[in-house]
Amino acid sequence: MGRAVRMGVGASMPVINSAVAINGIIIGTGKGGMEDCIKFLNQIVQYEEGLLAPGNFVQSTSNAVAAQVGMMSKNKSYNTTHVHRGHAFENAVIDAVMQLNEFPGSNFLLGGVDEISEYDYTIEDLDGAYKKESISNKDLYDTDSPGSIAGEGAATFLVNDQEQNAICQIAAINILHSEDESQVADMFQQFITTNLPAGENIDLYISGESGDNRTLKFYTVCEKLLNENTPVVRFKHMSGENATASSWALWLACHILQQQNIPSHMMKRVVELSSVKTILLYNNYKGIQHSFMLIRKN
């Protein structure tokens, strides 16, 4: 198995092994198994386009994670993978919502996974995705330079339309393609106005701020629209930057709502809270793909 497949399978098996019957598997990934893809391309050159072992090719396809999970769990139901760079996981969430609207009572395994291979790191580094200077993740937000730190990971969730035993509810989700911070601010304000009842405030704001000074303007304009008493949490010093980092952020939101505890090293704006019931998540990938999620405690 390639790195992405191993991470995805490892994150999925606790859900698969639960007592709940899974009616479908929905995965979001920005790049899939890039490491195996490069290995296969190198084999084409090495063996002069002769007979090649298919293993690396099979593991390199973007749907390899969902396929492997389906095979290992003998699940022959709905199985799909969304590959939309920074909106891959968000489109997987939207797909799950649509499936539950069409098939009430179903259970879906929802996940996001991305790896950082040696080859992919080089490509992203040449594209300016990572900082040139050597820094500690603890100092990520104190640097005024382009780029972030490399990240990878996998997060999976059991989603359905049943309130009983649910940790939280994804109350709303929206996505936007834009390089204009004023459009992002307008969408952010509209998202809050549309999905929060009059007089209700957000208990916690999770920001996808990554230490990249090129994308900081988007987070700044959104943060200014919040009530000054809204605590702000950042997470990418833990997850690093990758196309499906928002899946890690959703896991963090679930953990906070369940434990009612916020790790101090994640706090940007500290405000005392008696409880956390409503969380707003905003993430931005490469200054063009924006996503907004509203998560509520059941």
Protein backbone atom coordinates (compact mmCIF):
# COMPACT_ATOMS: atom_id res chain seq x y z
CA MET A 1 0.00 0.00 0.00
CA GLY A 2 1.08 3.54 -0.68
CA ARG A 3 1.35 6.12 2.07
CA ALA A 4 -2.03 7.78 1.40
CA VAL A 5 -3.78 4.41 1.25
CA ARG A 6 -2.22 3.29 4.53
CA MET A 7 -3.27 6.49 6.28
CA GLY A 8 -6.78 6.35 4.84
CA VAL A 9 -7.29 2.70 5.72
CA GLY A 10 -5.88 3.21 9.21
CA ALA A 11 -8.26 6.10 9.87
CA SER A 12 -11.23 4.25 8.36
CA MET A 13 -11.02 0.88 10.09
CA PRO A 14 -12.32 2.06 13.51
CA VAL A 15 -15.44 3.32 11.73
CA ILE A 16 -15.74 0.18 9.60
CA ASN A 17 -15.32 -2.05 12.67
CA SER A 18 -18.09 -0.29 14.59
CA ALA A 19 -21.40 -2.06 14.98
CA VAL A 20 -23.05 0.28 12.46
CA ALA A 21 -23.70 -0.94 8.90
CA ILE A 22 -22.01 1.36 6.37
CA ASN A 23 -24.12 2.24 3.33
CA GLY A 24 -21.40 4.06 1.43
CA ILE A 25 -17.83 5.36 1.43
CA ILE A 26 -17.10 8.97 0.42
CA ILE A 27 -13.50 10.23 0.39
CA GLY A 28 -12.00 13.59 -0.52
CA THR A 29 -8.36 13.91 -1.57
CA GLY A 30 -6.38 16.68 -3.20
CA LYS A 31 -3.87 14.48 -4.99
CA GLY A 32 -4.40 10.85 -4.06
CA GLY A 33 -1.39 8.53 -4.11
CA MET A 34 1.15 10.85 -5.73
CA GLU A 35 4.11 8.83 -4.44
CA ASP A 36 2.97 5.65 -6.21
CA CYS A 37 2.11 7.64 -9.33
CA ILE A 38 5.69 8.92 -9.60
CA LYS A 39 7.08 5.43 -8.92
CA PHE A 40 4.99 4.06 -11.79
CA LEU A 41 6.13 6.82 -14.16
CA ASN A 42 9.75 6.13 -13.22
CA GLN A 43 9.22 2.43 -13.99
CA ILE A 44 7.96 3.33 -17.46
CA VAL A 45 11.28 5.06 -18.13
CA GLN A 46 13.38 2.43 -16.37
CA TYR A 47 11.87 -0.52 -18.23
CA GLU A 48 11.50 1.38 -21.52
CA GLU A 49 7.72 1.02 -21.56
CA GLY A 50 7.97 -2.76 -21.28
CA LEU A 51 6.11 -5.11 -18.95
CA LEU A 52 5.38 -3.32 -15.68
CA ALA A 53 4.03 -4.52 -12.35
CA PRO A 54 0.58 -2.91 -11.94
CA GLY A 55 0.83 -2.42 -8.16
CA ASN A 56 2.09 1.16 -8.14
CA PHE A 57 -0.36 2.18 -10.84
CA VAL A 58 -3.34 0.71 -8.98
CA GLN A 59 -2.29 2.36 -5.71
CA SER A 60 -1.65 5.72 -7.39
CA THR A 61 -5.21 6.41 -8.54
CA SER A 62 -7.12 8.95 -6.47
CA ASN A 63 -9.87 6.47 -5.61
CA ALA A 64 -7.41 3.89 -4.22
CA VAL A 65 -8.23 4.79 -0.59
CA ALA A 66 -11.99 4.41 -0.96
CA ALA A 67 -11.53 1.27 -3.07
CA GLN A 68 -9.17 -0.35 -0.55
CA VAL A 69 -11.49 0.45 2.36
CA GLY A 70 -14.41 -0.97 0.40
CA MET A 71 -12.54 -4.18 -0.42
CA MET A 72 -11.24 -4.71 3.10
CA SER A 73 -14.70 -4.20 4.57
CA LYS A 74 -16.43 -6.14 1.74
CA ASN A 75 -18.64 -3.11 1.23
CA LYS A 76 -20.25 -3.08 -2.24
CA SER A 77 -22.38 0.01 -1.67
CA TYR A 78 -21.89 3.58 -2.91
CA ASN A 79 -18.16 4.28 -3.20
CA THR A 80 -16.79 7.53 -4.58
CA THR A 81 -13.82 9.89 -4.35
CA HIS A 82 -13.81 13.66 -4.81
CA VAL A 83 -10.62 15.22 -6.18
CA HIS A 84 -10.99 19.01 -6.21
CA ARG A 85 -7.72 20.21 -4.61
CA GLY A 86 -8.68 22.49 -1.71
CA HIS A 87 -12.38 21.69 -2.03
CA ALA A 88 -11.99 17.91 -2.17
CA PHE A 89 -13.18 17.24 1.38
CA GLU A 90 -15.88 19.91 1.20
CA ASN A 91 -17.33 18.30 -1.93
CA ALA A 92 -17.26 14.96 -0.13
CA VAL A 93 -19.27 16.55 2.70
CA ILE A 94 -21.77 18.01 0.23
CA ASP A 95 -22.06 14.60 -1.45
CA ALA A 96 -22.79 12.97 1.93
CA VAL A 97 -25.48 15.56 2.65
CA MET A 98 -27.10 14.93 -0.74
CA GLN A 99 -26.99 11.16 -0.22
CA LEU A 100 -28.65 11.48 3.19
CA ASN A 101 -31.36 13.71 1.74
CA GLU A 102 -32.06 11.06 -0.89
CA PHE A 103 -31.61 8.02 1.37
CA PRO A 104 -32.69 8.91 4.92
CA GLY A 105 -31.50 6.58 7.63
CA SER A 106 -28.28 5.62 5.82
CA ASN A 107 -24.78 5.67 7.32
CA PHE A 108 -21.76 6.89 5.36
CA LEU A 109 -18.04 6.81 5.99
CA LEU A 110 -16.83 10.32 5.17
CA GLY A 111 -13.12 11.10 5.02
CA GLY A 112 -10.32 13.32 3.82
CA VAL A 113 -6.76 12.15 3.13
CA ASP A 114 -3.60 13.59 1.59
CA GLU A 115 0.05 12.57 1.71
CA ILE A 116 3.25 14.52 1.30
CA SER A 117 5.71 12.44 -0.69
CA GLU A 118 9.27 13.38 -1.59
CA TYR A 119 8.27 14.14 -5.18
CA ASP A 120 5.16 16.08 -4.25
CA TYR A 121 7.10 18.11 -1.70
CA THR A 122 9.55 19.16 -4.42
CA ILE A 123 6.74 20.19 -6.77
CA GLU A 124 4.92 22.17 -4.08
CA ASP A 125 8.16 23.78 -2.92
CA LEU A 126 8.92 24.97 -6.45
CA ASP A 127 5.39 26.40 -6.54
CA GLY A 128 6.14 28.45 -3.42
CA ALA A 129 3.85 26.53 -1.09
CA TYR A 130 6.41 26.14 1.70
CA LYS A 131 8.56 28.57 3.63
CA LYS A 132 12.17 28.88 2.54
CA GLU A 133 13.45 29.54 6.05
CA SER A 134 13.65 26.82 8.67
CA ILE A 135 11.10 27.44 11.43
CA SER A 136 9.46 25.63 14.31
CA ASN A 137 5.74 24.96 14.02
CA LYS A 138 5.33 26.94 17.26
CA ASP A 139 6.57 30.05 15.41
CA LEU A 140 4.48 29.51 12.28
CA TYR A 141 2.13 32.45 12.85
CA ASP A 142 4.89 34.88 13.86
CA THR A 143 6.66 34.84 10.49
CA ASP A 144 5.95 37.43 7.81
CA SER A 145 6.89 35.46 4.71
CA PRO A 146 5.20 33.47 1.94
CA GLY A 147 4.50 29.76 2.32
CA SER A 148 3.51 27.46 5.14
CA ILE A 149 4.75 24.09 6.45
CA ALA A 150 4.06 20.80 4.70
CA GLY A 151 1.29 18.65 6.07
CA GLU A 152 -0.45 15.35 5.53
CA GLY A 153 -3.03 13.26 7.30
CA ALA A 154 -6.34 11.44 7.23
CA ALA A 155 -9.56 12.00 9.14
CA THR A 156 -12.74 9.94 8.84
CA PHE A 157 -16.25 10.30 10.25
CA LEU A 158 -19.41 8.25 10.52
CA VAL A 159 -22.20 10.49 9.23
CA ASN A 160 -25.96 9.99 9.17
CA ASP A 161 -29.15 11.97 9.72
CA GLN A 162 -29.83 10.68 13.24
CA GLU A 163 -29.43 12.98 16.27
CA GLN A 164 -29.19 10.11 18.73
CA ASN A 165 -25.59 9.43 19.85
CA ALA A 166 -24.25 12.05 17.42
CA ILE A 167 -21.32 14.18 18.60
CA CYS A 168 -22.28 17.12 16.43
CA GLN A 169 -24.19 18.31 13.38
CA ILE A 170 -22.77 19.88 10.23
CA ALA A 171 -25.44 22.56 10.11
CA ALA A 172 -24.24 24.32 6.94
CA ILE A 173 -21.43 24.30 4.39
CA ASN A 174 -20.49 26.55 1.49
CA ILE A 175 -17.55 26.97 -0.87
CA LEU A 176 -16.20 29.83 -2.96
CA HIS A 177 -13.56 30.34 -5.67
CA SER A 178 -12.16 33.86 -5.46
CA GLU A 179 -8.94 35.85 -5.14
CA ASP A 180 -10.80 38.94 -3.92
CA GLU A 181 -10.89 39.34 -0.13
CA SER A 182 -13.97 41.57 -0.32
CA GLN A 183 -15.92 38.76 -2.00
CA VAL A 184 -14.73 36.36 0.70
CA ALA A 185 -15.82 38.79 3.42
CA ASP A 186 -19.25 39.17 1.79
CA MET A 187 -19.67 35.39 1.59
CA PHE A 188 -18.50 35.00 5.19
CA GLN A 189 -21.05 37.55 6.42
CA GLN A 190 -23.82 36.06 4.28
CA PHE A 191 -23.01 32.57 5.57
CA ILE A 192 -23.34 33.73 9.18
CA THR A 193 -26.52 35.73 8.54
CA THR A 194 -28.20 32.90 6.64
CA ASN A 195 -27.36 30.06 9.02
CA LEU A 196 -27.42 31.66 12.47
CA PRO A 197 -30.76 32.62 14.04
CA ALA A 198 -31.16 36.31 14.89
CA GLY A 199 -29.45 37.14 18.16
CA GLU A 200 -27.34 33.98 18.25
CA ASN A 201 -23.56 34.27 18.24
CA ILE A 202 -20.79 31.86 17.31
CA ASP A 203 -19.16 30.30 20.37
CA LEU A 204 -15.86 29.52 18.65
CA TYR A 205 -14.16 30.38 15.36
CA ILE A 206 -11.65 27.94 13.84
CA SER A 207 -9.33 29.69 11.40
CA GLY A 208 -7.30 27.95 8.71
CA GLU A 209 -4.56 30.57 9.01
CA SER A 210 -1.34 28.96 7.81
CA GLY A 211 1.43 31.50 8.40
CA ASP A 212 1.47 32.41 4.69
CA ASN A 213 1.47 36.21 4.40
CA ARG A 214 -0.10 35.95 0.93
CA THR A 215 -3.34 34.47 2.31
CA LEU A 216 -3.44 36.30 5.64
CA LYS A 217 -5.64 39.06 4.17
CA PHE A 218 -8.55 36.63 3.77
CA TYR A 219 -8.43 35.52 7.39
CA THR A 220 -8.03 39.12 8.59
CA VAL A 221 -11.17 40.43 6.85
CA CYS A 222 -13.24 37.49 8.12
CA GLU A 223 -11.97 37.80 11.68
CA LYS A 224 -12.92 41.49 11.71
CA LEU A 225 -16.55 40.54 11.05
CA LEU A 226 -16.75 38.46 14.23
CA ASN A 227 -17.93 39.63 17.61
CA GLU A 228 -14.86 40.77 19.57
CA ASN A 229 -15.81 38.29 22.31
CA THR A 230 -15.54 35.32 19.95
CA PRO A 231 -12.52 33.13 20.75
CA VAL A 232 -10.32 32.23 17.77
CA VAL A 233 -8.50 28.91 17.29
CA ARG A 234 -5.78 28.04 14.74
CA PHE A 235 -4.75 24.50 13.84
CA LYS A 236 -2.26 24.38 10.96
CA HIS A 237 0.79 24.46 13.22
CA MET A 238 -0.40 20.92 14.08
CA SER A 239 -1.71 19.63 10.75
CA GLY A 240 0.46 21.56 8.33
CA GLU A 241 -0.97 22.81 5.04
CA ASN A 242 -2.53 20.36 2.60
CA ALA A 243 -5.55 20.20 0.34
CA THR A 244 -7.77 18.38 2.86
CA ALA A 245 -6.62 20.12 6.05
CA SER A 246 -10.26 21.08 6.63
CA SER A 247 -11.01 17.43 7.47
CA TRP A 248 -8.51 17.71 10.32
CA ALA A 249 -10.23 20.94 11.40
CA LEU A 250 -13.63 19.22 11.41
CA TRP A 251 -12.16 16.46 13.60
CA LEU A 252 -10.87 19.19 15.93
CA ALA A 253 -14.32 20.79 16.07
CA CYS A 254 -15.90 17.44 16.96
CA HIS A 255 -13.28 16.89 19.66
CA ILE A 256 -13.86 20.34 21.19
CA LEU A 257 -17.64 19.92 21.18
CA GLN A 258 -17.35 16.48 22.76
CA GLN A 259 -14.69 17.28 25.37
CA GLN A 260 -15.59 20.96 25.93
CA ASN A 261 -11.88 21.65 26.11
CA ILE A 262 -9.69 23.79 23.83
CA PRO A 263 -5.91 23.17 23.77
CA SER A 264 -4.22 26.38 24.91
CA HIS A 265 -1.54 26.26 22.18
CA MET A 266 -4.26 26.57 19.54
CA MET A 267 -5.79 29.75 20.95
CA LYS A 268 -5.21 33.01 19.07
CA ARG A 269 -7.85 35.07 20.87
CA VAL A 270 -8.56 33.83 24.38
CA VAL A 271 -12.06 34.36 25.77
CA GLU A 272 -13.51 32.51 28.75
CA LEU A 273 -16.38 30.22 27.74
CA SER A 274 -18.85 28.34 29.91
CA SER A 275 -19.59 25.94 27.04
CA VAL A 276 -19.08 25.53 23.30
CA LYS A 277 -22.15 24.71 21.22
CA THR A 278 -21.60 26.43 17.87
CA ILE A 279 -18.35 26.47 15.87
CA LEU A 280 -17.64 28.30 12.62
CA LEU A 281 -14.80 26.97 10.47
CA TYR A 282 -13.21 28.94 7.63
CA ASN A 283 -10.40 27.50 5.54
CA ASN A 284 -8.54 28.76 2.50
CA TYR A 285 -6.31 26.81 0.12
CA LYS A 286 -3.70 28.68 -1.93
CA GLY A 287 -5.58 31.95 -1.83
CA ILE A 288 -8.35 30.88 -4.20
CA GLN A 289 -10.42 28.04 -2.72
CA HIS A 290 -12.45 29.02 0.35
CA SER A 291 -14.77 26.94 2.50
CA PHE A 292 -17.13 27.68 5.37
CA MET A 293 -18.65 25.15 7.78
CA LEU A 294 -21.01 25.63 10.71
CA ILE A 295 -20.84 22.83 13.27
CA ARG A 296 -23.28 22.49 16.18
CA LYS A 297 -23.23 20.34 19.29
CA ASN A 298 -26.22 17.98 19.52
